Amino acid sequence: MSHYVCKGDCKTVSDDAGICQADFCNKKGEELKICGCEDGVHSEHATAENASGGVETGA
């Protein structure tokens, strides 16, 4: 399942393309990168719902 991740400090994971909106992230304002991992699990990442500031989608 394709999903998007922030490569910055927040490690946000989102089902939707967008930009990082987490206030504390060093990549705030940058596009999330597509991730094609097969298990869909990012134990080292926060979920979009749990990241402070969340994600702004491109939709």
Protein backbone atom coordinates (compact mmCIF):
# COMPACT_ATOMS: atom_id res chain seq x y z
CA MET A 1 0.00 0.00 0.00
CA SER A 2 1.46 3.35 -1.02
CA HIS A 3 1.60 6.07 1.59
CA TYR A 4 3.61 9.19 2.28
CA VAL A 5 6.19 9.96 4.94
CA CYS A 6 8.01 12.99 6.23
CA LYS A 7 11.75 12.46 6.28
CA GLY A 8 12.15 15.14 8.95
CA ASP A 9 12.07 15.09 12.74
CA CYS A 10 8.32 14.35 13.02
CA LYS A 11 8.35 11.15 10.89
CA THR A 12 4.67 11.70 9.98
CA VAL A 13 2.99 8.94 7.94
CA SER A 14 -0.07 9.77 5.83
CA ASP A 15 -2.30 7.96 3.33
CA ASP A 16 -2.52 11.19 1.34
CA ALA A 17 0.06 13.32 -0.45
CA GLY A 18 0.66 16.68 1.18
CA ILE A 19 3.15 18.81 3.00
CA CYS A 20 4.45 18.51 6.53
CA GLN A 21 2.67 20.86 8.95
CA ALA A 22 4.28 19.75 12.22
CA ASP A 23 5.52 22.92 13.95
CA PHE A 24 8.53 21.17 15.51
CA CYS A 25 9.70 19.44 12.31
CA ASN A 26 12.82 20.54 10.47
CA LYS A 27 11.03 19.65 7.20
CA LYS A 28 7.86 21.69 7.90
CA GLY A 29 6.46 23.00 4.63
CA GLU A 30 8.17 20.35 2.51
CA GLU A 31 6.35 17.66 0.53
CA LEU A 32 5.84 14.25 2.06
CA LYS A 33 7.73 11.53 0.17
CA ILE A 34 5.97 8.51 -1.28
CA CYS A 35 6.80 5.25 0.46
CA GLY A 36 6.23 1.88 -1.09
CA CYS A 37 7.13 -0.35 1.84
CA GLU A 38 5.23 -3.59 1.65
CA ASP A 39 4.18 -3.93 5.28
CA GLY A 40 2.87 -0.37 5.66
CA VAL A 41 4.33 -0.27 9.16
CA HIS A 42 6.58 2.53 10.29
CA SER A 43 7.25 1.81 13.92
CA GLU A 44 9.81 4.62 13.90
CA HIS A 45 7.24 7.05 12.48
CA ALA A 46 4.34 8.83 14.12
CA THR A 47 0.97 8.53 12.44
CA ALA A 48 -0.48 11.63 10.80
CA GLU A 49 -3.17 11.72 13.47
CA ASN A 50 -0.60 11.73 16.26
CA ALA A 51 1.87 14.26 14.83
CA SER A 52 1.62 17.71 16.30
CA GLY A 53 0.42 20.04 13.59
CA GLY A 54 -0.60 17.20 11.30
CA VAL A 55 -0.45 17.14 7.52
CA GLU A 56 -1.92 19.44 4.93
CA THR A 57 -3.11 17.36 2.00
CA GLY A 58 -2.72 18.45 -1.59
CA ALA A 59 -6.39 17.68 -2.36
